[in-house]
């Protein structure tokens, strides 16, 4: 007899803004999450930001050329960092409480664009959250590769580089691809 399929009731869409892409040396700055059903209807949203030492933050921002292309986003994230006093542990506790309230204690399907990168940061910085996540993930970027490579279908996703906006863009992008698939 085969093992029952993983069929979660809800999807946890998540996006993070970080100082860079190295989960060991870079810092998670902002995280947002949206719980949806399988019709991608929003059930609940969460936004949080982690405070880091400004000196360390500047060093990591300066080490990543990406931020030279988006100075206004960098400035907004630096300003947000000064305004928050939440620790990484505090944000993890809030995320876990959010998940408990809206998903329950079942294993979680994590979704987003290039979500494997966010997962590396989760495992590094929020291990209690990482243990709640199923090994399967819904990665919109995999759909992007197939739809662009095989069908020449491109989605013009806005480059907001803010966590909640990016999640909504990912949901919109997956909906776009699904409409291209014939049932």
N, C-alpha and C. Protein backbone atom coordinates (compact mmCIF):
# COMPACT_ATOMS: atom_id res chain seq x y z
N UNK A 1 0.85 -1.17 0.00
CA UNK A 1 0.00 0.00 0.00
C UNK A 1 0.90 1.24 0.00
N UNK A 2 0.56 2.21 -0.84
CA UNK A 2 1.38 3.42 -0.92
C UNK A 2 0.99 4.42 0.17
N UNK A 3 1.94 5.26 0.45
CA UNK A 3 1.75 6.31 1.46
C UNK A 3 0.75 7.34 0.93
N UNK A 4 -0.15 7.84 1.78
CA UNK A 4 -1.11 8.86 1.31
C UNK A 4 -0.39 10.11 0.83
N UNK A 5 -0.94 10.74 -0.18
CA UNK A 5 -0.34 11.95 -0.75
C UNK A 5 -0.43 13.10 0.25
N UNK A 6 0.49 14.02 0.14
CA UNK A 6 0.48 15.23 0.96
C UNK A 6 -0.54 16.17 0.35
N UNK A 7 -1.64 16.39 1.04
CA UNK A 7 -2.73 17.23 0.54
C UNK A 7 -3.10 18.28 1.59
N UNK A 8 -2.32 19.33 1.67
CA UNK A 8 -2.64 20.36 2.66
C UNK A 8 -3.91 21.11 2.27
N UNK A 9 -4.61 21.58 3.28
CA UNK A 9 -5.83 22.34 3.04
C UNK A 9 -5.50 23.77 2.61
N UNK A 10 -4.41 24.30 3.18
CA UNK A 10 -4.01 25.67 2.92
C UNK A 10 -2.58 25.75 2.40
N UNK A 11 -2.26 26.89 1.81
CA UNK A 11 -0.92 27.16 1.31
C UNK A 11 -0.36 28.35 2.08
N UNK A 12 0.89 28.24 2.51
CA UNK A 12 1.56 29.36 3.16
C UNK A 12 2.51 29.99 2.15
N UNK A 13 2.10 31.13 1.63
CA UNK A 13 2.93 31.91 0.71
C UNK A 13 3.84 32.78 1.56
N UNK A 14 5.13 32.79 1.25
CA UNK A 14 6.07 33.54 2.06
C UNK A 14 7.11 34.21 1.18
N UNK A 15 7.52 35.40 1.60
CA UNK A 15 8.61 36.09 0.93
C UNK A 15 9.40 36.83 1.98
N UNK A 16 10.70 36.92 1.73
CA UNK A 16 11.59 37.63 2.63
C UNK A 16 12.43 38.60 1.84
N UNK A 17 12.77 39.69 2.47
CA UNK A 17 13.79 40.59 1.94
C UNK A 17 14.99 40.43 2.85
N UNK A 18 16.15 40.20 2.23
CA UNK A 18 17.37 39.95 2.97
C UNK A 18 18.45 40.92 2.50
N UNK A 19 19.53 40.99 3.26
CA UNK A 19 20.64 41.85 2.85
C UNK A 19 21.38 41.27 1.65
N UNK A 20 21.23 40.00 1.42
CA UNK A 20 21.88 39.31 0.30
C UNK A 20 21.36 37.89 0.23
N UNK A 21 22.05 37.04 -0.50
CA UNK A 21 21.56 35.67 -0.72
C UNK A 21 22.31 34.60 0.06
N UNK A 22 23.24 35.00 0.90
CA UNK A 22 24.01 34.04 1.70
C UNK A 22 23.31 33.84 3.05
N UNK A 23 22.67 32.69 3.26
CA UNK A 23 21.89 32.52 4.48
C UNK A 23 22.72 32.49 5.77
N UNK A 24 24.01 32.31 5.64
CA UNK A 24 24.87 32.29 6.83
C UNK A 24 25.31 33.69 7.20
N UNK A 25 25.69 34.50 6.21
CA UNK A 25 26.25 35.82 6.48
C UNK A 25 25.29 36.98 6.28
N UNK A 26 24.22 36.76 5.52
CA UNK A 26 23.25 37.83 5.31
C UNK A 26 22.10 37.69 6.29
N UNK A 27 21.32 38.76 6.40
CA UNK A 27 20.27 38.84 7.42
C UNK A 27 18.88 38.93 6.80
N UNK A 28 17.91 38.22 7.38
CA UNK A 28 16.52 38.44 6.97
C UNK A 28 16.04 39.75 7.59
N UNK A 29 15.52 40.65 6.76
CA UNK A 29 15.09 41.96 7.23
C UNK A 29 13.59 42.06 7.38
N UNK A 30 12.90 41.54 6.38
CA UNK A 30 11.45 41.68 6.32
C UNK A 30 10.87 40.34 5.86
N UNK A 31 9.77 39.96 6.46
CA UNK A 31 9.09 38.73 6.05
C UNK A 31 7.59 39.03 6.00
N UNK A 32 6.96 38.44 5.00
CA UNK A 32 5.50 38.52 4.91
C UNK A 32 5.01 37.12 4.56
N UNK A 33 3.80 36.85 5.00
CA UNK A 33 3.17 35.56 4.71
C UNK A 33 1.70 35.78 4.43
N UNK A 34 1.20 34.99 3.51
CA UNK A 34 -0.23 34.99 3.21
C UNK A 34 -0.68 33.54 3.20
N UNK A 35 -1.74 33.26 3.92
CA UNK A 35 -2.36 31.94 3.88
C UNK A 35 -3.50 32.02 2.87
N UNK A 36 -3.49 31.07 1.92
CA UNK A 36 -4.57 31.00 0.93
C UNK A 36 -5.15 29.59 0.90
N UNK A 37 -6.32 29.51 0.28
CA UNK A 37 -6.86 28.20 -0.06
C UNK A 37 -6.33 27.85 -1.46
N UNK A 38 -6.85 26.78 -2.04
CA UNK A 38 -6.36 26.35 -3.35
C UNK A 38 -6.92 27.18 -4.51
N UNK A 39 -7.84 28.07 -4.22
CA UNK A 39 -8.29 29.04 -5.23
C UNK A 39 -7.49 30.33 -5.09
N UNK A 40 -6.51 30.32 -4.21
CA UNK A 40 -5.59 31.45 -3.93
C UNK A 40 -6.32 32.64 -3.32
N UNK A 41 -7.43 32.35 -2.64
CA UNK A 41 -8.14 33.39 -1.90
C UNK A 41 -7.38 33.64 -0.59
N UNK A 42 -7.09 34.90 -0.32
CA UNK A 42 -6.37 35.26 0.91
C UNK A 42 -7.25 35.01 2.12
N UNK A 43 -6.68 34.30 3.08
CA UNK A 43 -7.37 34.02 4.33
C UNK A 43 -6.82 34.92 5.44
N UNK A 44 -5.50 35.10 5.44
CA UNK A 44 -4.86 35.94 6.45
C UNK A 44 -3.49 36.38 5.95
N UNK A 45 -3.01 37.51 6.47
CA UNK A 45 -1.68 38.01 6.12
C UNK A 45 -0.88 38.32 7.38
N UNK A 46 0.42 38.25 7.22
CA UNK A 46 1.36 38.59 8.30
C UNK A 46 2.50 39.40 7.70
N UNK A 47 2.95 40.41 8.41
CA UNK A 47 4.15 41.15 8.04
C UNK A 47 4.98 41.37 9.30
N UNK A 48 6.28 41.18 9.17
CA UNK A 48 7.18 41.42 10.29
C UNK A 48 8.54 41.86 9.80
N UNK A 49 9.25 42.54 10.67
CA UNK A 49 10.62 42.94 10.33
C UNK A 49 11.50 42.71 11.55
N UNK A 50 12.75 42.38 11.26
CA UNK A 50 13.74 42.07 12.29
C UNK A 50 14.71 43.23 12.42
N UNK A 51 15.04 43.57 13.65
CA UNK A 51 16.03 44.63 13.88
C UNK A 51 17.43 44.01 13.93
N UNK A 52 18.36 44.69 13.24
CA UNK A 52 19.77 44.30 13.25
C UNK A 52 20.61 45.53 13.54
N UNK A 53 21.80 45.32 14.01
CA UNK A 53 22.73 46.42 14.24
C UNK A 53 22.97 47.16 12.92
N UNK A 54 22.79 48.47 12.93
CA UNK A 54 22.91 49.28 11.71
C UNK A 54 24.27 49.13 11.04
N UNK A 55 25.32 49.00 11.83
CA UNK A 55 26.68 48.85 11.28
C UNK A 55 26.81 47.54 10.50
N UNK A 56 26.30 46.45 11.07
CA UNK A 56 26.36 45.15 10.38
C UNK A 56 25.46 45.15 9.13
N UNK A 57 24.33 45.79 9.26
CA UNK A 57 23.39 45.88 8.15
C UNK A 57 24.03 46.62 6.97
N UNK A 58 24.64 47.76 7.23
CA UNK A 58 25.29 48.54 6.18
C UNK A 58 26.39 47.72 5.50
N UNK A 59 27.16 47.01 6.29
CA UNK A 59 28.26 46.19 5.74
C UNK A 59 27.71 45.14 4.76
N UNK A 60 26.62 44.47 5.13
CA UNK A 60 26.05 43.44 4.26
C UNK A 60 25.39 44.06 3.03
N UNK A 61 24.69 45.18 3.20
CA UNK A 61 24.10 45.87 2.05
C UNK A 61 25.20 46.28 1.07
N UNK A 62 26.27 46.86 1.58
CA UNK A 62 27.36 47.33 0.72
C UNK A 62 28.07 46.19 0.00
N UNK A 63 28.04 45.00 0.57
CA UNK A 63 28.70 43.83 -0.03
C UNK A 63 27.91 43.25 -1.20
N UNK A 64 26.66 43.67 -1.37
CA UNK A 64 25.80 43.09 -2.39
C UNK A 64 25.43 44.12 -3.45
N UNK A 65 25.90 43.90 -4.66
CA UNK A 65 25.68 44.85 -5.75
C UNK A 65 24.20 45.04 -6.08
N UNK A 66 23.38 44.06 -5.76
CA UNK A 66 21.95 44.13 -6.01
C UNK A 66 21.36 45.43 -5.46
N UNK A 67 21.80 45.82 -4.27
CA UNK A 67 21.21 46.99 -3.61
C UNK A 67 21.59 48.31 -4.26
N UNK A 68 22.64 48.31 -5.07
CA UNK A 68 22.97 49.52 -5.81
C UNK A 68 21.94 49.80 -6.90
N UNK A 69 21.28 48.76 -7.36
CA UNK A 69 20.23 48.91 -8.38
C UNK A 69 18.90 49.35 -7.79
N UNK A 70 18.73 49.18 -6.49
CA UNK A 70 17.45 49.50 -5.83
C UNK A 70 17.70 50.33 -4.57
N UNK A 71 18.28 51.52 -4.72
CA UNK A 71 18.62 52.32 -3.53
C UNK A 71 17.40 52.76 -2.72
N UNK A 72 16.26 52.98 -3.40
CA UNK A 72 15.07 53.41 -2.66
C UNK A 72 14.52 52.29 -1.78
N UNK A 73 14.60 51.06 -2.26
CA UNK A 73 14.15 49.93 -1.45
C UNK A 73 15.11 49.74 -0.27
N UNK A 74 16.41 49.86 -0.55
CA UNK A 74 17.40 49.74 0.52
C UNK A 74 17.12 50.79 1.60
N UNK A 75 16.89 52.03 1.20
CA UNK A 75 16.61 53.10 2.17
C UNK A 75 15.38 52.79 3.00
N UNK A 76 14.34 52.28 2.35
CA UNK A 76 13.11 51.95 3.07
C UNK A 76 13.35 50.82 4.08
N UNK A 77 14.13 49.82 3.68
CA UNK A 77 14.43 48.72 4.60
C UNK A 77 15.31 49.19 5.76
N UNK A 78 16.26 50.09 5.48
CA UNK A 78 17.10 50.63 6.56
C UNK A 78 16.25 51.46 7.53
N UNK A 79 15.33 52.25 7.01
CA UNK A 79 14.45 53.04 7.88
C UNK A 79 13.56 52.12 8.72
N UNK A 80 13.05 51.08 8.09
CA UNK A 80 12.22 50.10 8.80
C UNK A 80 13.02 49.44 9.91
N UNK A 81 14.29 49.12 9.63
CA UNK A 81 15.15 48.49 10.62
C UNK A 81 15.32 49.37 11.86
N UNK A 82 15.42 50.67 11.65
CA UNK A 82 15.58 51.61 12.77
C UNK A 82 14.30 51.72 13.60
N UNK A 83 13.16 51.48 12.97
CA UNK A 83 11.87 51.65 13.65
C UNK A 83 11.42 50.41 14.42
N UNK A 84 11.96 49.24 14.09
CA UNK A 84 11.50 48.03 14.76
C UNK A 84 12.47 47.63 15.87
N UNK A 85 11.93 46.96 16.86
CA UNK A 85 12.78 46.42 17.92
C UNK A 85 12.62 44.91 18.02
N UNK A 86 11.98 44.31 17.02
CA UNK A 86 11.74 42.87 17.04
C UNK A 86 13.03 42.09 16.77
N UNK A 87 13.22 41.05 17.55
CA UNK A 87 14.36 40.16 17.35
C UNK A 87 13.99 39.07 16.36
N UNK A 88 14.98 38.33 15.89
CA UNK A 88 14.68 37.22 14.98
C UNK A 88 13.83 36.17 15.69
N UNK A 89 14.08 35.95 16.98
CA UNK A 89 13.29 34.99 17.76
C UNK A 89 11.85 35.49 17.92
N UNK A 90 11.68 36.78 18.11
CA UNK A 90 10.34 37.34 18.24
C UNK A 90 9.53 37.20 16.96
N UNK A 91 10.17 37.45 15.83
CA UNK A 91 9.48 37.30 14.54
C UNK A 91 9.14 35.84 14.29
N UNK A 92 10.05 34.93 14.64
CA UNK A 92 9.75 33.51 14.48
C UNK A 92 8.55 33.11 15.33
N UNK A 93 8.48 33.59 16.57
CA UNK A 93 7.33 33.29 17.43
C UNK A 93 6.03 33.82 16.82
N UNK A 94 6.09 35.03 16.27
CA UNK A 94 4.90 35.60 15.63
C UNK A 94 4.47 34.78 14.41
N UNK A 95 5.43 34.36 13.61
CA UNK A 95 5.11 33.53 12.44
C UNK A 95 4.48 32.21 12.85
N UNK A 96 5.04 31.58 13.87
CA UNK A 96 4.50 30.31 14.34
C UNK A 96 3.07 30.49 14.90
N UNK A 97 2.84 31.57 15.62
CA UNK A 97 1.50 31.84 16.15
C UNK A 97 0.52 32.10 15.00
N UNK A 98 0.97 32.83 13.99
CA UNK A 98 0.15 33.10 12.80
C UNK A 98 -0.23 31.77 12.11
N UNK A 99 0.75 30.90 11.95
CA UNK A 99 0.51 29.60 11.31
C UNK A 99 -0.44 28.75 12.16
N UNK A 100 -0.19 28.70 13.47
CA UNK A 100 -1.08 27.92 14.35
C UNK A 100 -2.51 28.40 14.25
N UNK A 101 -2.71 29.70 14.19
CA UNK A 101 -4.05 30.27 14.14
C UNK A 101 -4.76 29.98 12.81
N UNK A 102 -4.02 30.04 11.71
CA UNK A 102 -4.68 29.98 10.40
C UNK A 102 -4.50 28.66 9.65
N UNK A 103 -3.52 27.87 10.05
CA UNK A 103 -3.30 26.57 9.38
C UNK A 103 -3.45 25.42 10.35
N UNK A 104 -3.05 25.62 11.58
CA UNK A 104 -3.11 24.54 12.57
C UNK A 104 -1.74 23.91 12.73
N UNK A 105 -1.74 22.70 13.27
CA UNK A 105 -0.46 22.06 13.57
C UNK A 105 -0.02 21.04 12.52
N UNK A 106 -0.65 21.04 11.36
CA UNK A 106 -0.26 20.11 10.30
C UNK A 106 1.01 20.61 9.59
N UNK A 107 1.61 19.74 8.80
CA UNK A 107 2.77 20.14 8.00
C UNK A 107 2.33 21.20 7.00
N UNK A 108 3.25 22.07 6.66
CA UNK A 108 2.91 23.26 5.89
C UNK A 108 3.52 23.19 4.49
N UNK A 109 2.70 23.52 3.50
CA UNK A 109 3.19 23.68 2.13
C UNK A 109 3.62 25.13 1.96
N UNK A 110 4.91 25.32 1.75
CA UNK A 110 5.49 26.65 1.57
C UNK A 110 5.47 26.98 0.08
N UNK A 111 5.06 28.20 -0.25
CA UNK A 111 4.95 28.61 -1.65
C UNK A 111 5.55 30.00 -1.84
N UNK A 112 5.99 30.26 -3.07
CA UNK A 112 6.52 31.56 -3.43
C UNK A 112 7.40 31.46 -4.66
N UNK A 113 8.02 32.57 -5.00
CA UNK A 113 8.95 32.62 -6.13
C UNK A 113 10.36 32.33 -5.62
N UNK A 114 11.04 31.38 -6.24
CA UNK A 114 12.37 30.94 -5.79
C UNK A 114 12.36 30.69 -4.28
N UNK A 115 11.32 29.99 -3.85
CA UNK A 115 11.08 29.77 -2.42
C UNK A 115 12.19 28.95 -1.76
N UNK A 116 12.94 28.21 -2.56
CA UNK A 116 14.06 27.45 -1.98
C UNK A 116 15.07 28.37 -1.30
N UNK A 117 15.25 29.59 -1.83
CA UNK A 117 16.19 30.53 -1.23
C UNK A 117 15.66 31.03 0.12
N UNK A 118 14.39 31.36 0.18
CA UNK A 118 13.78 31.76 1.45
C UNK A 118 13.86 30.60 2.46
N UNK A 119 13.68 29.38 1.97
CA UNK A 119 13.74 28.20 2.84
C UNK A 119 15.12 28.07 3.47
N UNK A 120 16.18 28.38 2.74
CA UNK A 120 17.53 28.34 3.31
C UNK A 120 17.65 29.32 4.48
N UNK A 121 17.08 30.51 4.31
CA UNK A 121 17.11 31.49 5.40
C UNK A 121 16.25 31.04 6.58
N UNK A 122 15.11 30.45 6.29
CA UNK A 122 14.26 29.93 7.37
C UNK A 122 15.01 28.88 8.17
N UNK A 123 15.63 27.94 7.47
CA UNK A 123 16.36 26.88 8.17
C UNK A 123 17.53 27.43 8.98
N UNK A 124 18.16 28.48 8.48
CA UNK A 124 19.30 29.08 9.18
C UNK A 124 18.86 29.93 10.38
N UNK A 125 17.86 30.78 10.18
CA UNK A 125 17.51 31.78 11.18
C UNK A 125 16.29 31.43 12.03
N UNK A 126 15.38 30.61 11.49
CA UNK A 126 14.14 30.26 12.19
C UNK A 126 13.93 28.74 12.15
N UNK A 127 14.78 27.99 12.83
CA UNK A 127 14.72 26.52 12.73
C UNK A 127 13.42 25.90 13.23
N UNK A 128 12.77 26.51 14.21
CA UNK A 128 11.49 25.96 14.68
C UNK A 128 10.44 26.04 13.58
N UNK A 129 10.44 27.14 12.83
CA UNK A 129 9.55 27.26 11.68
C UNK A 129 9.94 26.24 10.62
N UNK A 130 11.23 26.11 10.35
CA UNK A 130 11.70 25.16 9.34
C UNK A 130 11.23 23.74 9.60
N UNK A 131 11.16 23.35 10.85
CA UNK A 131 10.71 21.99 11.20
C UNK A 131 9.23 21.78 10.91
N UNK A 132 8.47 22.84 10.80
CA UNK A 132 7.04 22.74 10.52
C UNK A 132 6.74 22.61 9.02
N UNK A 133 7.73 22.90 8.19
CA UNK A 133 7.51 22.94 6.75
C UNK A 133 7.71 21.57 6.12
N UNK A 134 6.82 21.22 5.23
CA UNK A 134 6.95 19.97 4.47
C UNK A 134 8.12 20.11 3.50
N UNK A 135 8.70 18.99 3.10
CA UNK A 135 9.82 19.05 2.16
C UNK A 135 9.37 19.47 0.76
N UNK A 136 8.11 19.26 0.43
CA UNK A 136 7.60 19.72 -0.85
C UNK A 136 7.26 21.20 -0.75
N UNK A 137 7.54 21.91 -1.84
CA UNK A 137 7.25 23.34 -1.90
C UNK A 137 6.60 23.67 -3.24
N UNK A 138 5.84 24.72 -3.26
CA UNK A 138 5.22 25.21 -4.49
C UNK A 138 6.04 26.41 -4.96
N UNK A 139 6.90 26.17 -5.94
CA UNK A 139 7.83 27.21 -6.40
C UNK A 139 7.36 27.76 -7.73
N UNK A 140 6.89 28.99 -7.72
CA UNK A 140 6.37 29.64 -8.92
C UNK A 140 7.48 29.81 -9.96
N UNK A 141 8.72 29.94 -9.54
CA UNK A 141 9.80 30.12 -10.51
C UNK A 141 9.98 28.87 -11.39
N UNK A 142 9.62 27.69 -10.89
CA UNK A 142 9.67 26.49 -11.73
C UNK A 142 8.64 26.59 -12.85
N UNK A 143 7.45 27.10 -12.52
CA UNK A 143 6.44 27.34 -13.55
C UNK A 143 6.95 28.35 -14.57
N UNK A 144 7.61 29.40 -14.08
CA UNK A 144 8.16 30.43 -14.96
C UNK A 144 9.12 29.83 -15.98
N UNK A 145 10.00 28.95 -15.53
CA UNK A 145 10.99 28.33 -16.42
C UNK A 145 10.29 27.52 -17.51
N UNK A 146 9.32 26.72 -17.13
CA UNK A 146 8.61 25.89 -18.10
C UNK A 146 7.78 26.75 -19.06
N UNK A 147 7.02 27.68 -18.54
CA UNK A 147 6.13 28.47 -19.38
C UNK A 147 6.91 29.38 -20.34
N UNK A 148 8.02 29.93 -19.89
CA UNK A 148 8.82 30.77 -20.78
C UNK A 148 9.62 29.91 -21.76
N UNK A 149 10.23 28.83 -21.25
CA UNK A 149 11.07 28.00 -22.10
C UNK A 149 10.32 27.20 -23.14
N UNK A 150 9.23 26.58 -22.74
CA UNK A 150 8.49 25.71 -23.64
C UNK A 150 7.39 26.43 -24.43
N UNK A 151 6.71 27.37 -23.79
CA UNK A 151 5.54 27.99 -24.41
C UNK A 151 5.71 29.47 -24.74
N UNK A 152 6.84 30.05 -24.42
CA UNK A 152 7.13 31.47 -24.65
C UNK A 152 6.07 32.38 -24.01
N UNK A 153 5.58 31.98 -22.86
CA UNK A 153 4.59 32.76 -22.10
C UNK A 153 5.33 33.46 -20.97
N UNK A 154 5.28 34.77 -20.97
CA UNK A 154 5.99 35.55 -19.95
C UNK A 154 5.02 36.37 -19.14
N UNK A 155 5.29 36.43 -17.84
CA UNK A 155 4.48 37.23 -16.94
C UNK A 155 5.30 38.44 -16.52
N UNK A 156 4.75 39.62 -16.65
CA UNK A 156 5.45 40.85 -16.29
C UNK A 156 5.22 41.14 -14.81
N UNK A 157 6.02 40.52 -13.96
CA UNK A 157 5.89 40.70 -12.52
C UNK A 157 6.57 41.99 -12.10
N UNK A 158 5.89 42.82 -11.33
CA UNK A 158 6.52 44.06 -10.86
C UNK A 158 7.70 43.76 -9.93
N UNK A 159 8.68 44.60 -9.95
CA UNK A 159 9.89 44.44 -9.13
C UNK A 159 9.77 45.31 -7.88
N UNK A 160 8.87 44.96 -6.98
CA UNK A 160 8.65 45.77 -5.79
C UNK A 160 9.75 45.59 -4.76
N UNK A 161 10.23 44.36 -4.61
CA UNK A 161 11.23 44.02 -3.60
C UNK A 161 10.80 44.42 -2.20
N UNK A 162 9.51 44.26 -1.95
CA UNK A 162 8.95 44.34 -0.61
C UNK A 162 8.14 43.07 -0.44
N UNK A 163 8.25 42.45 0.70
CA UNK A 163 7.79 41.08 0.89
C UNK A 163 6.31 40.86 0.55
N UNK A 164 5.41 41.67 1.10
CA UNK A 164 3.99 41.43 0.86
C UNK A 164 3.61 41.66 -0.60
N UNK A 165 4.14 42.70 -1.21
CA UNK A 165 3.89 42.95 -2.63
C UNK A 165 4.41 41.82 -3.50
N UNK A 166 5.58 41.30 -3.15
CA UNK A 166 6.17 40.22 -3.94
C UNK A 166 5.34 38.93 -3.85
N UNK A 167 4.77 38.66 -2.67
CA UNK A 167 3.91 37.47 -2.55
C UNK A 167 2.69 37.61 -3.45
N UNK A 168 2.06 38.74 -3.37
CA UNK A 168 0.86 38.95 -4.20
C UNK A 168 1.21 38.84 -5.68
N UNK A 169 2.38 39.32 -6.05
CA UNK A 169 2.84 39.17 -7.43
C UNK A 169 3.05 37.72 -7.80
N UNK A 170 3.56 36.92 -6.87
CA UNK A 170 3.77 35.49 -7.13
C UNK A 170 2.45 34.76 -7.30
N UNK A 171 1.48 35.08 -6.48
CA UNK A 171 0.15 34.46 -6.61
C UNK A 171 -0.47 34.83 -7.95
N UNK A 172 -0.36 36.10 -8.30
CA UNK A 172 -0.88 36.57 -9.58
C UNK A 172 -0.16 35.87 -10.75
N UNK A 173 1.14 35.69 -10.62
CA UNK A 173 1.91 35.02 -11.66
C UNK A 173 1.48 33.57 -11.83
N UNK A 174 1.31 32.83 -10.73
CA UNK A 174 0.89 31.45 -10.84
C UNK A 174 -0.51 31.36 -11.45
N UNK A 175 -1.40 32.26 -11.08
CA UNK A 175 -2.73 32.29 -11.69
C UNK A 175 -2.64 32.50 -13.20
N UNK A 176 -1.75 33.39 -13.62
CA UNK A 176 -1.53 33.64 -15.05
C UNK A 176 -1.13 32.35 -15.77
N UNK A 177 -0.17 31.62 -15.20
CA UNK A 177 0.28 30.38 -15.83
C UNK A 177 -0.82 29.33 -15.85
N UNK A 178 -1.55 29.22 -14.75
CA UNK A 178 -2.60 28.20 -14.68
C UNK A 178 -3.69 28.46 -15.71
N UNK A 179 -3.97 29.72 -16.01
CA UNK A 179 -4.97 30.04 -17.05
C UNK A 179 -4.50 29.62 -18.43
N UNK A 180 -3.18 29.49 -18.60
CA UNK A 180 -2.63 29.06 -19.89
C UNK A 180 -2.68 27.55 -20.07
N UNK A 181 -2.89 26.84 -18.98
CA UNK A 181 -2.94 25.37 -19.03
C UNK A 181 -4.36 24.93 -19.33
N UNK A 182 -4.51 24.05 -20.31
CA UNK A 182 -5.83 23.56 -20.66
C UNK A 182 -6.18 22.40 -19.74
N UNK A 183 -7.40 22.44 -19.20
CA UNK A 183 -7.84 21.39 -18.27
C UNK A 183 -8.18 20.12 -19.00
